[in-house]
């Protein structure tokens, strides 16, 4: 997605959170031995004092719920004040990189690359840097930074979020700023018609009925 006579694709500064894990250890020390009491009268059997059996501590063996990942192939749509301004196919790789192929013309740069990180549970930040050229598409005149913050649905098959586009000239001045909303629908390798009813198998109906 290019803007400023070129369509700019999506991105967001990365925020890295580290998870802390704590482990618990149980110690079982048997320091007491059985003792014997001798009776003062003959024929009285000795009494054995036995240690009580250790109490069993119940363990929670239920598996933890697995959170879905943003990694996968998505159909994304970008909206400004409720109007569709761009859409495309967005590939989020498991290694934290991303590629967007949007509906702008190839000459304007319709394929952009980005980097993403998990910012919080079900929340992801993405950042796209991109070059900006003049109207003739010849001279390099600036840099665009596109940032996204998206929230993945707990089911893992859709997301919503916001996109911020900033374009800078080479003096560091901001020459363009825009904010839009976005939605994403996961594209599956199977059950295309059931998940994305469309005259074209494998495509969401929304891309056909634009």
C-alpha atoms as a PDB file:
ATOM      1  CA  UNK A   1       0.000   0.000   0.000  1.00  0.00           C
ATOM      2  CA  UNK A   2       1.626   3.275  -1.112  1.00  0.00           C
ATOM      3  CA  UNK A   3       0.550   6.808  -0.179  1.00  0.00           C
ATOM      4  CA  UNK A   4       1.762  10.260  -1.364  1.00  0.00           C
ATOM      5  CA  UNK A   5       1.256   9.394  -5.057  1.00  0.00           C
ATOM      6  CA  UNK A   6       2.568   5.979  -4.129  1.00  0.00           C
ATOM      7  CA  UNK A   7       0.700   3.508  -1.979  1.00  0.00           C
ATOM      8  CA  UNK A   8       2.433   2.795   1.358  1.00  0.00           C
ATOM      9  CA  UNK A   9       2.165  -0.560   3.057  1.00  0.00           C
ATOM     10  CA  UNK A  10       1.521  -1.239   6.702  1.00  0.00           C
ATOM     11  CA  UNK A  11       3.838  -1.277   9.753  1.00  0.00           C
ATOM     12  CA  UNK A  12       4.325  -0.536  13.418  1.00  0.00           C
ATOM     13  CA  UNK A  13       7.249  -0.065  15.829  1.00  0.00           C
ATOM     14  CA  UNK A  14       8.108  -3.224  17.666  1.00  0.00           C
ATOM     15  CA  UNK A  15       7.715  -3.522  21.452  1.00  0.00           C
ATOM     16  CA  UNK A  16       9.450  -6.574  22.936  1.00  0.00           C
ATOM     17  CA  UNK A  17       8.151  -8.204  26.080  1.00  0.00           C
ATOM     18  CA  UNK A  18      10.099 -10.985  27.837  1.00  0.00           C
ATOM     19  CA  UNK A  19       8.193 -13.643  29.830  1.00  0.00           C
ATOM     20  CA  UNK A  20       9.507 -14.679  33.229  1.00  0.00           C
ATOM     21  CA  UNK A  21       9.151 -18.243  34.316  1.00  0.00           C
ATOM     22  CA  UNK A  22       9.411 -19.415  37.915  1.00  0.00           C
ATOM     23  CA  UNK A  23       9.892 -23.075  38.900  1.00  0.00           C
ATOM     24  CA  UNK A  24       8.948 -24.678  42.179  1.00  0.00           C
ATOM     25  CA  UNK A  25      10.959 -27.423  43.894  1.00  0.00           C
ATOM     26  CA  UNK A  26       9.733 -29.868  46.535  1.00  0.00           C
ATOM     27  CA  UNK A  27      12.139 -31.372  49.106  1.00  0.00           C
ATOM     28  CA  UNK A  28      11.333 -34.589  50.988  1.00  0.00           C
ATOM     29  CA  UNK A  29      13.730 -35.106  53.946  1.00  0.00           C
ATOM     30  CA  UNK A  30      13.276 -38.236  56.077  1.00  0.00           C
ATOM     31  CA  UNK A  31      15.253 -37.299  59.194  1.00  0.00           C
ATOM     32  CA  UNK A  32      13.382 -39.426  61.801  1.00  0.00           C
ATOM     33  CA  UNK A  33      13.825 -43.178  62.252  1.00  0.00           C
ATOM     34  CA  UNK A  34      11.417 -45.544  63.999  1.00  0.00           C
ATOM     35  CA  UNK A  35      12.200 -45.891  67.716  1.00  0.00           C
ATOM     36  CA  UNK A  36      11.404 -48.661  70.260  1.00  0.00           C
ATOM     37  CA  UNK A  37       9.970 -48.413  73.758  1.00  0.00           C
ATOM     38  CA  UNK A  38      10.984 -51.305  76.056  1.00  0.00           C
ATOM     39  CA  UNK A  39       8.269 -52.359  78.498  1.00  0.00           C
ATOM     40  CA  UNK A  40       9.246 -52.497  82.147  1.00  0.00           C
ATOM     41  CA  UNK A  41       7.599 -55.927  82.544  1.00  0.00           C
ATOM     42  CA  UNK A  42       8.773 -59.107  80.876  1.00  0.00           C
ATOM     43  CA  UNK A  43       6.606 -60.444  78.095  1.00  0.00           C
ATOM     44  CA  UNK A  44       5.389 -57.011  77.132  1.00  0.00           C
ATOM     45  CA  UNK A  45       5.906 -56.633  73.346  1.00  0.00           C
ATOM     46  CA  UNK A  46       7.946 -53.779  72.127  1.00  0.00           C
ATOM     47  CA  UNK A  47       6.026 -50.872  70.631  1.00  0.00           C
ATOM     48  CA  UNK A  48       7.176 -49.607  67.252  1.00  0.00           C
ATOM     49  CA  UNK A  49       6.588 -45.968  66.408  1.00  0.00           C
ATOM     50  CA  UNK A  50       6.113 -45.588  62.675  1.00  0.00           C
ATOM     51  CA  UNK A  51       6.413 -42.393  60.713  1.00  0.00           C
ATOM     52  CA  UNK A  52       3.152 -41.252  59.078  1.00  0.00           C
ATOM     53  CA  UNK A  53       2.987 -41.550  55.306  1.00  0.00           C
ATOM     54  CA  UNK A  54       3.621 -38.240  53.554  1.00  0.00           C
ATOM     55  CA  UNK A  55       0.494 -36.430  52.422  1.00  0.00           C
ATOM     56  CA  UNK A  56      -0.140 -36.505  48.695  1.00  0.00           C
ATOM     57  CA  UNK A  57      -0.303 -33.081  47.103  1.00  0.00           C
ATOM     58  CA  UNK A  58      -2.759 -32.995  44.190  1.00  0.00           C
ATOM     59  CA  UNK A  59      -1.187 -31.895  40.930  1.00  0.00           C
ATOM     60  CA  UNK A  60      -2.995 -29.894  38.266  1.00  0.00           C
ATOM     61  CA  UNK A  61      -2.279 -31.853  35.094  1.00  0.00           C
ATOM     62  CA  UNK A  62      -4.733 -30.025  32.824  1.00  0.00           C
ATOM     63  CA  UNK A  63      -2.878 -28.662  29.773  1.00  0.00           C
ATOM     64  CA  UNK A  64      -2.702 -24.893  29.420  1.00  0.00           C
ATOM     65  CA  UNK A  65      -4.695 -23.339  26.606  1.00  0.00           C
ATOM     66  CA  UNK A  66      -2.581 -22.703  23.522  1.00  0.00           C
ATOM     67  CA  UNK A  67      -2.836 -19.131  22.217  1.00  0.00           C
ATOM     68  CA  UNK A  68      -3.136 -18.857  18.424  1.00  0.00           C
ATOM     69  CA  UNK A  69      -0.370 -17.167  16.454  1.00  0.00           C
ATOM     70  CA  UNK A  70      -0.535 -14.293  13.976  1.00  0.00           C
ATOM     71  CA  UNK A  71       1.712 -16.297  11.627  1.00  0.00           C
ATOM     72  CA  UNK A  72      -0.110 -17.215   8.422  1.00  0.00           C
ATOM     73  CA  UNK A  73      -1.665 -15.807   5.263  1.00  0.00           C
ATOM     74  CA  UNK A  74      -4.232 -13.001   5.545  1.00  0.00           C
ATOM     75  CA  UNK A  75      -6.586 -10.915   3.439  1.00  0.00           C
ATOM     76  CA  UNK A  76      -6.315  -7.385   4.869  1.00  0.00           C
ATOM     77  CA  UNK A  77      -8.420  -4.276   4.304  1.00  0.00           C
ATOM     78  CA  UNK A  78      -7.592  -0.664   5.228  1.00  0.00           C
ATOM     79  CA  UNK A  79     -10.315   1.890   6.000  1.00  0.00           C
ATOM     80  CA  UNK A  80     -10.158   5.683   6.375  1.00  0.00           C
ATOM     81  CA  UNK A  81     -13.305   7.189   7.910  1.00  0.00           C
ATOM     82  CA  UNK A  82     -15.186   4.025   6.999  1.00  0.00           C
ATOM     83  CA  UNK A  83     -14.088   4.022   3.350  1.00  0.00           C
ATOM     84  CA  UNK A  84     -11.985   1.221   1.890  1.00  0.00           C
ATOM     85  CA  UNK A  85      -8.661   2.759   0.788  1.00  0.00           C
ATOM     86  CA  UNK A  86      -6.533  -0.328   0.168  1.00  0.00           C
ATOM     87  CA  UNK A  87      -6.512  -4.097   0.526  1.00  0.00           C
ATOM     88  CA  UNK A  88      -4.213  -6.979  -0.230  1.00  0.00           C
ATOM     89  CA  UNK A  89      -2.657 -10.277   0.765  1.00  0.00           C
ATOM     90  CA  UNK A  90      -0.477 -10.206   3.864  1.00  0.00           C
ATOM     91  CA  UNK A  91       1.949 -12.978   4.833  1.00  0.00           C
ATOM     92  CA  UNK A  92       3.132 -13.034   8.462  1.00  0.00           C
ATOM     93  CA  UNK A  93       6.084 -15.407   8.867  1.00  0.00           C
ATOM     94  CA  UNK A  94       6.800 -17.273  12.072  1.00  0.00           C
ATOM     95  CA  UNK A  95      10.293 -15.718  12.255  1.00  0.00           C
ATOM     96  CA  UNK A  96       8.907 -12.204  12.788  1.00  0.00           C
ATOM     97  CA  UNK A  97       9.058 -10.929   9.201  1.00  0.00           C
ATOM     98  CA  UNK A  98       6.127 -10.017   6.942  1.00  0.00           C
ATOM     99  CA  UNK A  99       5.307  -9.352   3.274  1.00  0.00           C
ATOM    100  CA  UNK A 100       2.278  -7.416   1.966  1.00  0.00           C
ATOM    101  CA  UNK A 101       1.101  -7.557  -1.651  1.00  0.00           C
ATOM    102  CA  UNK A 102      -1.626  -4.923  -2.025  1.00  0.00           C
ATOM    103  CA  UNK A 103      -3.856  -3.763  -4.892  1.00  0.00           C
ATOM    104  CA  UNK A 104      -1.798  -0.772  -5.983  1.00  0.00           C
ATOM    105  CA  UNK A 105       0.025  -0.963  -9.331  1.00  0.00           C
ATOM    106  CA  UNK A 106       3.384  -2.768  -9.422  1.00  0.00           C
ATOM    107  CA  UNK A 107       5.071   0.412 -10.681  1.00  0.00           C
ATOM    108  CA  UNK A 108       4.085   2.181  -7.456  1.00  0.00           C
ATOM    109  CA  UNK A 109       5.626  -0.549  -5.326  1.00  0.00           C
ATOM    110  CA  UNK A 110       2.813  -2.912  -4.402  1.00  0.00           C
ATOM    111  CA  UNK A 111       5.016  -5.349  -2.473  1.00  0.00           C
ATOM    112  CA  UNK A 112       6.455  -4.215   0.852  1.00  0.00           C
ATOM    113  CA  UNK A 113       8.281  -6.009   3.628  1.00  0.00           C
ATOM    114  CA  UNK A 114       8.073  -5.520   7.375  1.00  0.00           C
ATOM    115  CA  UNK A 115       8.961  -6.881  10.778  1.00  0.00           C
ATOM    116  CA  UNK A 116       6.620  -7.786  13.650  1.00  0.00           C
ATOM    117  CA  UNK A 117       6.726  -8.764  17.296  1.00  0.00           C
ATOM    118  CA  UNK A 118       4.228  -9.849  19.926  1.00  0.00           C
ATOM    119  CA  UNK A 119       3.466  -6.883  22.184  1.00  0.00           C
ATOM    120  CA  UNK A 120       0.972  -8.506  24.582  1.00  0.00           C
ATOM    121  CA  UNK A 121      -1.369 -11.507  24.619  1.00  0.00           C
ATOM    122  CA  UNK A 122      -3.135 -11.637  21.218  1.00  0.00           C
ATOM    123  CA  UNK A 123      -1.591  -8.240  20.346  1.00  0.00           C
ATOM    124  CA  UNK A 124       1.066  -7.675  17.680  1.00  0.00           C
ATOM    125  CA  UNK A 125       3.088  -4.683  16.513  1.00  0.00           C
ATOM    126  CA  UNK A 126       4.310  -4.382  12.925  1.00  0.00           C
ATOM    127  CA  UNK A 127       6.611  -1.906  11.176  1.00  0.00           C
ATOM    128  CA  UNK A 128       7.116  -1.238   7.454  1.00  0.00           C
ATOM    129  CA  UNK A 129       9.876   1.097   6.238  1.00  0.00           C
ATOM    130  CA  UNK A 130       9.489   2.060   2.559  1.00  0.00           C
ATOM    131  CA  UNK A 131      11.083   4.415   0.031  1.00  0.00           C
ATOM    132  CA  UNK A 132       9.137   7.364  -1.417  1.00  0.00           C
ATOM    133  CA  UNK A 133       9.690   8.600  -4.988  1.00  0.00           C
ATOM    134  CA  UNK A 134       8.504  11.672  -6.854  1.00  0.00           C
ATOM    135  CA  UNK A 135       5.425  11.698  -9.109  1.00  0.00           C
ATOM    136  CA  UNK A 136       7.503  10.488 -12.052  1.00  0.00           C
ATOM    137  CA  UNK A 137       8.647   7.502 -10.016  1.00  0.00           C
ATOM    138  CA  UNK A 138      12.277   8.346 -10.759  1.00  0.00           C
ATOM    139  CA  UNK A 139      13.782  10.437  -7.963  1.00  0.00           C
ATOM    140  CA  UNK A 140      14.003   9.240  -4.383  1.00  0.00           C
ATOM    141  CA  UNK A 141      12.557  11.976  -2.164  1.00  0.00           C
ATOM    142  CA  UNK A 142      11.866  10.458   1.242  1.00  0.00           C
ATOM    143  CA  UNK A 143      11.122   7.552   3.551  1.00  0.00           C
ATOM    144  CA  UNK A 144       7.777   6.217   4.726  1.00  0.00           C
ATOM    145  CA  UNK A 145       7.217   4.421   8.028  1.00  0.00           C
ATOM    146  CA  UNK A 146       3.982   2.462   8.350  1.00  0.00           C
ATOM    147  CA  UNK A 147       3.102   1.079  11.766  1.00  0.00           C
ATOM    148  CA  UNK A 148       0.342  -1.310  12.767  1.00  0.00           C
ATOM    149  CA  UNK A 149      -1.015  -2.522  16.076  1.00  0.00           C
ATOM    150  CA  UNK A 150      -3.370  -5.462  15.605  1.00  0.00           C
ATOM    151  CA  UNK A 151      -5.437  -7.549  17.998  1.00  0.00           C
ATOM    152  CA  UNK A 152      -5.892 -11.201  17.068  1.00  0.00           C
ATOM    153  CA  UNK A 153      -9.259 -12.808  17.735  1.00  0.00           C
ATOM    154  CA  UNK A 154      -9.013 -15.636  20.325  1.00  0.00           C
ATOM    155  CA  UNK A 155     -10.153 -18.023  17.598  1.00  0.00           C
ATOM    156  CA  UNK A 156      -7.089 -17.063  15.559  1.00  0.00           C
ATOM    157  CA  UNK A 157      -8.907 -16.466  12.260  1.00  0.00           C
ATOM    158  CA  UNK A 158      -9.340 -12.677  12.209  1.00  0.00           C
ATOM    159  CA  UNK A 159      -7.793  -9.502  13.555  1.00  0.00           C
ATOM    160  CA  UNK A 160      -8.545  -5.794  13.822  1.00  0.00           C
ATOM    161  CA  UNK A 161      -6.286  -2.848  14.440  1.00  0.00           C
ATOM    162  CA  UNK A 162      -4.972   0.553  13.451  1.00  0.00           C
ATOM    163  CA  UNK A 163      -2.394   1.755  10.937  1.00  0.00           C
ATOM    164  CA  UNK A 164      -0.305   4.926  11.156  1.00  0.00           C
ATOM    165  CA  UNK A 165       1.501   6.229   8.069  1.00  0.00           C
ATOM    166  CA  UNK A 166       4.260   8.841   8.371  1.00  0.00           C
ATOM    167  CA  UNK A 167       6.303  10.135   5.433  1.00  0.00           C
ATOM    168  CA  UNK A 168       9.524  12.084   5.967  1.00  0.00           C
ATOM    169  CA  UNK A 169      11.760  14.019   3.597  1.00  0.00           C
ATOM    170  CA  UNK A 170      15.510  13.595   3.878  1.00  0.00           C
ATOM    171  CA  UNK A 171      15.742  16.589   6.205  1.00  0.00           C
ATOM    172  CA  UNK A 172      13.626  14.694   8.725  1.00  0.00           C
ATOM    173  CA  UNK A 173      10.486  16.798   8.220  1.00  0.00           C
ATOM    174  CA  UNK A 174       7.103  15.053   8.378  1.00  0.00           C
ATOM    175  CA  UNK A 175       5.342  15.721   5.074  1.00  0.00           C
ATOM    176  CA  UNK A 176       2.418  13.336   5.510  1.00  0.00           C
ATOM    177  CA  UNK A 177       0.591  11.685   8.389  1.00  0.00           C
ATOM    178  CA  UNK A 178      -2.512   9.493   8.318  1.00  0.00           C
ATOM    179  CA  UNK A 179      -4.290   7.019  10.563  1.00  0.00           C
ATOM    180  CA  UNK A 180      -6.619   4.283   9.367  1.00  0.00           C
ATOM    181  CA  UNK A 181      -8.305   1.122  10.617  1.00  0.00           C
ATOM    182  CA  UNK A 182      -7.650  -2.361   9.311  1.00  0.00           C
ATOM    183  CA  UNK A 183      -9.149  -5.822   9.399  1.00  0.00           C
ATOM    184  CA  UNK A 184      -7.629  -9.192   8.592  1.00  0.00           C
ATOM    185  CA  UNK A 185      -9.197 -12.524   7.644  1.00  0.00           C
ATOM    186  CA  UNK A 186      -7.063 -15.657   7.671  1.00  0.00           C
ATOM    187  CA  UNK A 187      -6.818 -17.467   4.339  1.00  0.00           C
ATOM    188  CA  UNK A 188      -6.926 -21.228   4.727  1.00  0.00           C
ATOM    189  CA  UNK A 189      -5.477 -23.839   2.403  1.00  0.00           C
ATOM    190  CA  UNK A 190      -8.658 -25.883   2.827  1.00  0.00           C
ATOM    191  CA  UNK A 191     -12.414 -25.286   3.145  1.00  0.00           C
ATOM    192  CA  UNK A 192     -12.159 -22.105   1.090  1.00  0.00           C
ATOM    193  CA  UNK A 193     -15.795 -21.902   0.059  1.00  0.00           C
ATOM    194  CA  UNK A 194     -17.050 -22.524   3.583  1.00  0.00           C
ATOM    195  CA  UNK A 195     -14.740 -19.965   5.180  1.00  0.00           C
ATOM    196  CA  UNK A 196     -14.747 -17.353   2.406  1.00  0.00           C
ATOM    197  CA  UNK A 197     -17.889 -17.671   0.238  1.00  0.00           C
ATOM    198  CA  UNK A 198     -16.975 -16.125  -3.104  1.00  0.00           C
ATOM    199  CA  UNK A 199     -17.435 -16.765  -6.831  1.00  0.00           C
ATOM    200  CA  UNK A 200     -13.658 -17.275  -6.955  1.00  0.00           C
ATOM    201  CA  UNK A 201     -12.587 -20.282  -4.843  1.00  0.00           C
ATOM    202  CA  UNK A 202     -10.118 -19.331  -2.162  1.00  0.00           C
ATOM    203  CA  UNK A 203     -10.887 -15.602  -2.144  1.00  0.00           C
ATOM    204  CA  UNK A 204     -13.036 -13.774   0.415  1.00  0.00           C
ATOM    205  CA  UNK A 205     -16.282 -12.442  -1.020  1.00  0.00           C
ATOM    206  CA  UNK A 206     -15.270  -8.919   0.054  1.00  0.00           C
ATOM    207  CA  UNK A 207     -12.404  -8.803  -2.428  1.00  0.00           C
ATOM    208  CA  UNK A 208     -14.710  -9.750  -5.300  1.00  0.00           C
ATOM    209  CA  UNK A 209     -17.464  -7.344  -4.262  1.00  0.00           C
ATOM    210  CA  UNK A 210     -15.219  -4.320  -3.724  1.00  0.00           C
END
